[in-house]
Each structure stands twice: as C-alpha cells, then as structure tokens.
C-alpha cells in the first residue's frame, strides 16, 4: 500500500473526472511545468488497494522534466465508480479500461507526443494484459514498478487469502479495523513520524480510500494476484522499450524474481536504494529521476530513428 507524503496538489495538477469510451475515471492530471521542454504523456496505473494519489509525489518532478502525467483511479478504486459485481473487475475488463484511458489522454492532449505507460504492483499486471490483448494503442514504452512475473510470493498469498476469507462476511469498516489491528505489530512504515506512527491526516486518507473502494474490486483483484500466470515471454516479444524498477526489498515479489524478469524482458533494470514495495512514494525523487532518464532515452532514440528514415 503506497502512502503519499502529502495530499496537497501542486498548482499545475488538477483532480478531475476523465471521460473515456468506457466511462469516467477520477484522475490527477499534471501539466508540464512552466518553462519546461514539452515531452511525452505518462499514464500511471496504481496497484492493489491503491489509488491515483500513489503517484502524487512523482508528479512534481515528472512535470518539472516536461512530462504530462496522468494518474488514475481504476474502476471501483477510491473515487472512480464501479459496479457491485466481481465479473466487472475481470483482468480483461481492467485491461480494456487502461486502453480507453490511454486513448483519452492522447486525444485530449495530442497524439503527436509519445505516450508512456507505467504500472505499479497489480497495475503492472493490468498494463501487461492491456498490451498483450490490444496493440492498437501505440505506447512509446512500458515501466513496471514493483510488479512481478506471476503470482505474489507465498507469505503474501496467505495474507491475501485472509482478505478473501473474511471480506465477504464483513462491511468495509469492520474489515478496515481488522486489518489495522493485524498491522499494529508490524514494522513501522517509512511514511510514519520519528516514532513510527502514521500521521493522522494520512491515516484518515487511507481509511477514506479503503471505504471508497468497491469490495468486489478488492476480491476480484486479490484473486488475480494469487493466480496470475507467467506471461513474461509474451511481453518480451512486444517491440517496445521496457523498464523494471523496484526498491531494494519487496514483500510481494522478491527482488531476485524482478532481476530475473528484467533479464527475460530485455529491460532496463533500476533498483532504488532504501526503498521497498512503493519506491514511487518512499523515494519519489530518485524514482522520478530514473523514470525521466528512461523516457528521455526512449524519446531520443525514437527521434533518431525518424531522422534516419
């Protein structure tokens, strides 16, 4: 679960509903900073129990580098509506949503600029499915952040199974209280204060986000995290630049798994020092620098390719 360092929006970022062919989605829309060289668009897809705010700390450095950044609440996540039906959150449905979001970003802000897509954790699996099922959207690159080759590791499967076992019999408030009690003895999160406590404003936000998420979305995506098959070879065959980025440790997919996946993908590999499963929130400056360097290289190579033709 990513934890932003603030909820205050920079002056060049707006919170809005983005209309697509598959409905409206809540987004944070960050325009390139004034005076920055205009570069490509970036579509940011959050993970399990996450939301568009997971990328809020990244948006300022990305827009300062000239990128137009749009982070999304997927269907049934936080401030995006979704039905009370698990079938609505099948992987194919979520993948189709990503494609519609990408088209909406490109059409609204210019199809002449490169469009990069990034998926964090579960979001990486959703983006992967989108790319493998529909090549009509010409993405310039793919970034997988703390997102592994297949199902989550065994310990996390046990934890996720607890959610699957109990959420259908609980309301969301009861489930939240049970989760927080289970986490009370866990190691302090890096977003906490000097004593390891989570700030009140952040606890309130996490609580509100949980209550705003459709339970069927959580159940469907939890099952997906536990059953995802290895599709790395299929993804490797797609002719687009790829980046695999993570922290030094990861509780969902061990770092050696991510190292091996990057090799199989032929991807650039970046490990963010002193970060865990959410380098986007834990070390946003370093994460943004790695992303910007990757995207600038991609765009530079594409320009060179066009010039040589």
Protein backbone atom coordinates (compact mmCIF):
# COMPACT_ATOMS: atom_id res chain seq x y z
CA UNK A 1 0.00 0.00 0.00
CA UNK A 2 1.60 3.26 -1.15
CA UNK A 3 1.45 6.18 1.23
CA UNK A 4 1.85 9.70 -0.21
CA UNK A 5 3.82 12.26 1.77
CA UNK A 6 1.15 14.90 1.19
CA UNK A 7 -2.29 15.31 -0.36
CA UNK A 8 -1.75 18.92 -1.33
CA UNK A 9 -1.95 19.36 -5.09
CA UNK A 10 0.73 21.41 -6.86
CA UNK A 11 -0.56 24.40 -8.81
CA UNK A 12 -0.12 22.58 -12.13
CA UNK A 13 -2.10 19.50 -11.02
CA UNK A 14 -5.88 19.19 -11.07
CA UNK A 15 -8.19 16.49 -9.76
CA UNK A 16 -10.92 15.74 -12.26
CA UNK A 17 -13.06 13.11 -13.94
CA UNK A 18 -11.64 11.92 -17.27
CA UNK A 19 -14.26 10.74 -19.75
CA UNK A 20 -13.41 7.69 -21.85
CA UNK A 21 -15.23 5.24 -24.10
CA UNK A 22 -15.61 3.00 -21.03
CA UNK A 23 -16.90 5.59 -18.61
CA UNK A 24 -15.39 8.27 -16.39
CA UNK A 25 -12.37 7.79 -14.16
CA UNK A 26 -11.04 10.00 -11.38
CA UNK A 27 -7.57 11.28 -12.24
CA UNK A 28 -4.83 13.60 -11.09
CA UNK A 29 -3.76 15.49 -14.19
CA UNK A 30 -0.36 17.18 -14.08
CA UNK A 31 0.61 19.65 -16.81
CA UNK A 32 4.27 20.17 -17.72
CA UNK A 33 5.84 22.82 -15.53
CA UNK A 34 6.01 26.33 -16.92
CA UNK A 35 9.18 26.79 -18.92
CA UNK A 36 9.94 23.07 -19.15
CA UNK A 37 10.60 21.47 -22.50
CA UNK A 38 7.41 19.69 -23.58
CA UNK A 39 7.89 15.95 -23.73
CA UNK A 40 5.55 12.96 -23.77
CA UNK A 41 2.48 11.86 -21.85
CA UNK A 42 2.68 9.41 -18.95
CA UNK A 43 -0.24 7.23 -17.83
CA UNK A 44 0.20 5.95 -14.24
CA UNK A 45 -1.77 2.88 -13.09
CA UNK A 46 -1.88 2.08 -9.34
CA UNK A 47 -1.85 -1.28 -7.60
CA UNK A 48 -3.93 -3.31 -5.17
CA UNK A 49 -5.70 -1.17 -2.52
CA UNK A 50 -4.08 1.85 -4.19
CA UNK A 51 -5.28 4.98 -5.95
CA UNK A 52 -4.14 7.89 -8.09
CA UNK A 53 -2.59 9.51 -5.02
CA UNK A 54 0.09 6.79 -5.00
CA UNK A 55 1.88 8.85 -7.66
CA UNK A 56 1.30 12.31 -6.23
CA UNK A 57 4.90 12.62 -5.04
CA UNK A 58 6.14 11.70 -8.52
CA UNK A 59 4.04 14.18 -10.44
CA UNK A 60 6.02 17.32 -9.50
CA UNK A 61 9.43 16.01 -10.65
CA UNK A 62 7.88 14.42 -13.75
CA UNK A 63 6.14 17.60 -14.82
CA UNK A 64 9.26 19.63 -13.98
CA UNK A 65 11.04 17.48 -16.57
CA UNK A 66 8.40 18.37 -19.15
CA UNK A 67 6.16 15.30 -18.99
CA UNK A 68 2.38 15.44 -18.87
CA UNK A 69 1.44 12.98 -16.11
CA UNK A 70 -2.00 11.45 -15.50
CA UNK A 71 -2.57 9.08 -12.59
CA UNK A 72 -5.81 7.12 -12.44
CA UNK A 73 -8.24 5.52 -10.04
CA UNK A 74 -9.27 2.32 -11.81
CA UNK A 75 -12.88 1.26 -11.89
CA UNK A 76 -14.11 0.67 -8.35
CA UNK A 77 -10.98 2.26 -6.86
CA UNK A 78 -11.46 5.15 -4.44
CA UNK A 79 -13.10 7.96 -6.45
CA UNK A 80 -13.91 6.03 -9.64
CA UNK A 81 -17.31 4.36 -9.68
CA UNK A 82 -17.70 0.63 -10.19
CA UNK A 83 -20.45 -2.00 -10.02
CA UNK A 84 -21.03 -4.46 -7.17
CA UNK A 85 -20.17 -7.43 -9.35
CA UNK A 86 -16.83 -9.26 -9.38
CA UNK A 87 -17.20 -10.02 -13.09
CA UNK A 88 -16.85 -6.30 -13.82
CA UNK A 89 -13.27 -6.48 -12.49
CA UNK A 90 -12.03 -9.37 -14.60
CA UNK A 91 -8.50 -8.79 -15.87
CA UNK A 92 -9.78 -8.30 -19.43
CA UNK A 93 -12.17 -5.57 -18.25
CA UNK A 94 -9.47 -3.71 -16.32
CA UNK A 95 -7.09 -4.01 -19.28
CA UNK A 96 -9.70 -2.55 -21.62
CA UNK A 97 -10.13 0.34 -19.20
CA UNK A 98 -6.41 1.14 -19.42
CA UNK A 99 -6.58 1.20 -23.21
CA UNK A 100 -9.54 3.58 -23.09
CA UNK A 101 -7.71 5.82 -20.60
CA UNK A 102 -4.65 5.93 -22.85
CA UNK A 103 -6.75 6.89 -25.86
CA UNK A 104 -8.47 9.63 -23.85
CA UNK A 105 -5.14 11.10 -22.73
CA UNK A 106 -3.70 11.06 -26.25
CA UNK A 107 -6.82 12.53 -27.87
CA UNK A 108 -7.16 15.29 -25.28
CA UNK A 109 -3.54 16.41 -25.27
CA UNK A 110 -2.10 15.43 -28.64
CA UNK A 111 -1.39 12.18 -30.41
CA UNK A 112 1.87 13.57 -31.79
CA UNK A 113 3.62 13.24 -28.40
CA UNK A 114 4.92 9.87 -27.12
CA UNK A 115 2.67 8.03 -24.67
CA UNK A 116 4.42 6.09 -21.90
CA UNK A 117 2.57 3.73 -19.54
CA UNK A 118 3.58 2.71 -16.01
CA UNK A 119 2.00 0.09 -13.79
CA UNK A 120 2.75 -0.27 -10.08
CA UNK A 121 2.37 -3.72 -8.49
CA UNK A 122 -1.05 -5.11 -9.57
CA UNK A 123 -1.16 -2.19 -12.01
CA UNK A 124 1.79 -3.72 -13.84
CA UNK A 125 -0.16 -6.92 -14.42
CA UNK A 126 -3.15 -4.93 -15.69
CA UNK A 127 -0.98 -2.90 -18.06
CA UNK A 128 0.71 -6.08 -19.25
CA UNK A 129 -2.68 -7.60 -20.05
CA UNK A 130 -3.69 -4.44 -21.90
CA UNK A 131 -0.59 -4.55 -24.08
CA UNK A 132 -0.92 -8.26 -24.83
CA UNK A 133 -4.62 -8.10 -25.67
CA UNK A 134 -4.71 -4.96 -27.82
CA UNK A 135 -1.87 -3.35 -29.76
CA UNK A 136 -3.99 -0.53 -31.15
CA UNK A 137 -2.56 1.99 -28.68
CA UNK A 138 0.98 2.91 -29.78
CA UNK A 139 2.75 3.16 -26.43
CA UNK A 140 6.29 4.51 -26.54
CA UNK A 141 7.45 2.46 -23.54
CA UNK A 142 6.42 0.31 -20.59
CA UNK A 143 7.59 0.75 -16.99
CA UNK A 144 6.86 -1.96 -14.44
CA UNK A 145 7.32 -0.73 -10.87
CA UNK A 146 7.46 -3.40 -8.13
CA UNK A 147 5.42 -5.71 -10.34
CA UNK A 148 6.49 -9.32 -10.71
CA UNK A 149 6.38 -12.05 -13.33
CA UNK A 150 3.43 -14.05 -11.95
CA UNK A 151 1.54 -14.58 -8.68
CA UNK A 152 2.70 -12.96 -5.43
CA UNK A 153 5.01 -14.89 -3.10
CA UNK A 154 3.72 -17.46 -0.61
CA UNK A 155 3.58 -15.33 2.56
CA UNK A 156 1.61 -12.63 0.79
CA UNK A 157 -0.71 -15.29 -0.60
CA UNK A 158 -1.57 -16.27 2.97
CA UNK A 159 -2.27 -12.64 3.90
CA UNK A 160 -4.34 -12.07 0.79
CA UNK A 161 -6.34 -15.24 1.45
CA UNK A 162 -7.39 -13.79 4.80
CA UNK A 163 -8.97 -10.90 2.91
CA UNK A 164 -10.76 -13.30 0.58
CA UNK A 165 -11.98 -15.36 3.53
CA UNK A 166 -13.33 -12.51 5.62
CA UNK A 167 -14.27 -9.56 3.41
CA UNK A 168 -17.45 -11.22 2.03
CA UNK A 169 -18.81 -11.52 5.59
CA UNK A 170 -17.79 -8.04 6.79
CA UNK A 171 -18.67 -4.50 5.94
CA UNK A 172 -15.76 -2.36 4.79
CA UNK A 173 -15.42 -0.54 8.12
CA UNK A 174 -15.17 -3.79 10.08
CA UNK A 175 -12.64 -5.12 7.58
CA UNK A 176 -10.59 -1.94 7.93
CA UNK A 177 -10.48 -2.20 11.72
CA UNK A 178 -9.43 -5.85 11.48
CA UNK A 179 -6.66 -5.00 9.02
CA UNK A 180 -5.32 -2.17 11.16
CA UNK A 181 -5.30 -4.41 14.23
CA UNK A 182 -3.35 -7.03 12.29
CA UNK A 183 -0.87 -4.39 11.14
CA UNK A 184 -0.43 -2.84 14.58
CA UNK A 185 2.52 -5.04 15.46
CA UNK A 186 4.17 -4.76 12.07
CA UNK A 187 7.31 -2.82 11.44
CA UNK A 188 6.73 0.97 11.20
CA UNK A 189 6.13 2.28 7.71
CA UNK A 190 8.66 4.68 6.20
CA UNK A 191 5.92 7.32 5.89
CA UNK A 192 5.47 7.48 9.66
CA UNK A 193 6.93 10.04 12.02
CA UNK A 194 10.13 9.68 14.05
CA UNK A 195 8.40 7.20 16.41
CA UNK A 196 6.98 5.20 13.51
CA UNK A 197 3.42 6.49 13.88
CA UNK A 198 1.32 7.18 10.81
CA UNK A 199 0.29 10.86 10.75
CA UNK A 200 -3.39 11.47 11.46
CA UNK A 201 -4.06 13.05 8.07
CA UNK A 202 -2.55 10.01 6.32
CA UNK A 203 -4.45 7.50 8.47
CA UNK A 204 -7.66 9.41 7.69
CA UNK A 205 -6.89 9.32 3.96
CA UNK A 206 -6.06 5.61 3.92
CA UNK A 207 -9.29 4.91 5.82
CA UNK A 208 -11.34 7.05 3.43
CA UNK A 209 -9.72 5.43 0.39
CA UNK A 210 -10.46 1.95 1.72
CA UNK A 211 -14.11 2.81 2.38
CA UNK A 212 -14.38 4.35 -1.10
CA UNK A 213 -13.18 1.19 -2.84
CA UNK A 214 -15.78 -1.29 -4.08
CA UNK A 215 -15.35 -4.57 -2.16
CA UNK A 216 -15.91 -6.66 -5.28
CA UNK A 217 -12.97 -4.88 -6.89
CA UNK A 218 -10.75 -5.92 -3.99
CA UNK A 219 -11.97 -9.51 -4.07
CA UNK A 220 -11.52 -9.88 -7.83
CA UNK A 221 -8.06 -8.33 -7.92
CA UNK A 222 -6.94 -10.27 -4.83
CA UNK A 223 -7.77 -13.49 -6.67
CA UNK A 224 -5.81 -12.24 -9.67
CA UNK A 225 -2.73 -11.52 -7.57
CA UNK A 226 -2.83 -15.09 -6.27
CA UNK A 227 -3.37 -16.78 -9.63
CA UNK A 228 -1.52 -14.68 -12.21
CA UNK A 229 0.46 -16.79 -14.66
CA UNK A 230 3.89 -16.00 -16.02
CA UNK A 231 3.47 -14.02 -19.26
CA UNK A 232 7.00 -12.61 -19.42
CA UNK A 233 7.89 -14.37 -22.67
CA UNK A 234 4.81 -12.92 -24.37
CA UNK A 235 5.62 -9.45 -23.12
CA UNK A 236 9.26 -9.74 -24.14
CA UNK A 237 8.14 -10.32 -27.71
CA UNK A 238 6.48 -6.91 -27.90
CA UNK A 239 8.79 -4.41 -29.64
CA UNK A 240 8.80 -1.55 -27.16
CA UNK A 241 11.37 -0.37 -24.59
CA UNK A 242 10.80 -1.71 -21.09
CA UNK A 243 11.93 -0.73 -17.60
CA UNK A 244 11.74 -2.85 -14.44
CA UNK A 245 12.09 -0.68 -11.34
CA UNK A 246 11.84 -1.64 -7.68
CA UNK A 247 13.15 -0.94 -4.23
CA UNK A 248 15.94 -2.92 -2.56
CA UNK A 249 13.38 -5.17 -0.88
CA UNK A 250 9.91 -6.22 -1.91
CA UNK A 251 7.33 -8.14 0.09
CA UNK A 252 5.11 -9.09 -2.88
CA UNK A 253 7.72 -10.31 -5.37
CA UNK A 254 11.27 -10.92 -4.09
CA UNK A 255 13.86 -8.73 -5.76
CA UNK A 256 15.68 -11.71 -7.36
CA UNK A 257 12.42 -12.52 -9.15
CA UNK A 258 12.35 -8.97 -10.52
CA UNK A 259 16.02 -9.16 -11.54
CA UNK A 260 15.37 -12.34 -13.50
CA UNK A 261 12.23 -10.90 -15.08
CA UNK A 262 14.16 -7.88 -16.33
CA UNK A 263 16.72 -10.15 -17.99
CA UNK A 264 13.98 -12.18 -19.66
CA UNK A 265 12.29 -9.00 -20.87
CA UNK A 266 15.50 -7.43 -22.14
CA UNK A 267 14.51 -4.48 -19.96
CA UNK A 268 16.47 -1.74 -18.26
CA UNK A 269 16.73 -2.59 -14.54
CA UNK A 270 16.79 0.03 -11.79
CA UNK A 271 16.88 -0.62 -8.03
CA UNK A 272 16.06 2.34 -5.80
CA UNK A 273 18.21 2.46 -2.66
CA UNK A 274 16.42 2.49 0.71
CA UNK A 275 13.02 1.78 -0.89
CA UNK A 276 10.60 -1.11 -0.55
CA UNK A 277 7.47 -2.04 -2.47
CA UNK A 278 6.48 1.57 -3.18
CA UNK A 279 9.54 3.50 -4.38
CA UNK A 280 7.12 5.92 -6.05
CA UNK A 281 6.09 7.13 -2.57
CA UNK A 282 9.10 6.13 -0.46
CA UNK A 283 11.83 7.62 -2.66
CA UNK A 284 9.98 9.74 -5.24
CA UNK A 285 12.91 11.96 -6.27
CA UNK A 286 15.17 9.03 -7.05
CA UNK A 287 12.34 7.11 -8.72
CA UNK A 288 11.36 10.09 -10.85
CA UNK A 289 14.98 10.62 -11.91
CA UNK A 290 15.22 7.01 -13.10
CA UNK A 291 11.92 7.25 -14.96
CA UNK A 292 12.80 10.56 -16.60
CA UNK A 293 16.18 9.21 -17.73
CA UNK A 294 14.48 6.15 -19.24
CA UNK A 295 11.76 8.11 -21.02
CA UNK A 296 14.20 10.71 -22.33
CA UNK A 297 16.37 7.95 -23.76
CA UNK A 298 13.33 6.34 -25.39
CA UNK A 299 12.18 9.59 -26.92
CA UNK A 300 15.69 10.42 -28.08
CA UNK A 301 16.01 7.05 -29.78
CA UNK A 302 12.65 7.47 -31.47
CA UNK A 303 13.64 10.90 -32.78
CA UNK A 304 16.92 9.49 -34.10
CA UNK A 305 15.02 6.69 -35.80
CA UNK A 306 12.66 9.11 -37.51
CA UNK A 307 15.53 11.36 -38.59
CA UNK A 308 17.42 8.47 -40.18
CA UNK A 309 14.45 7.43 -42.32
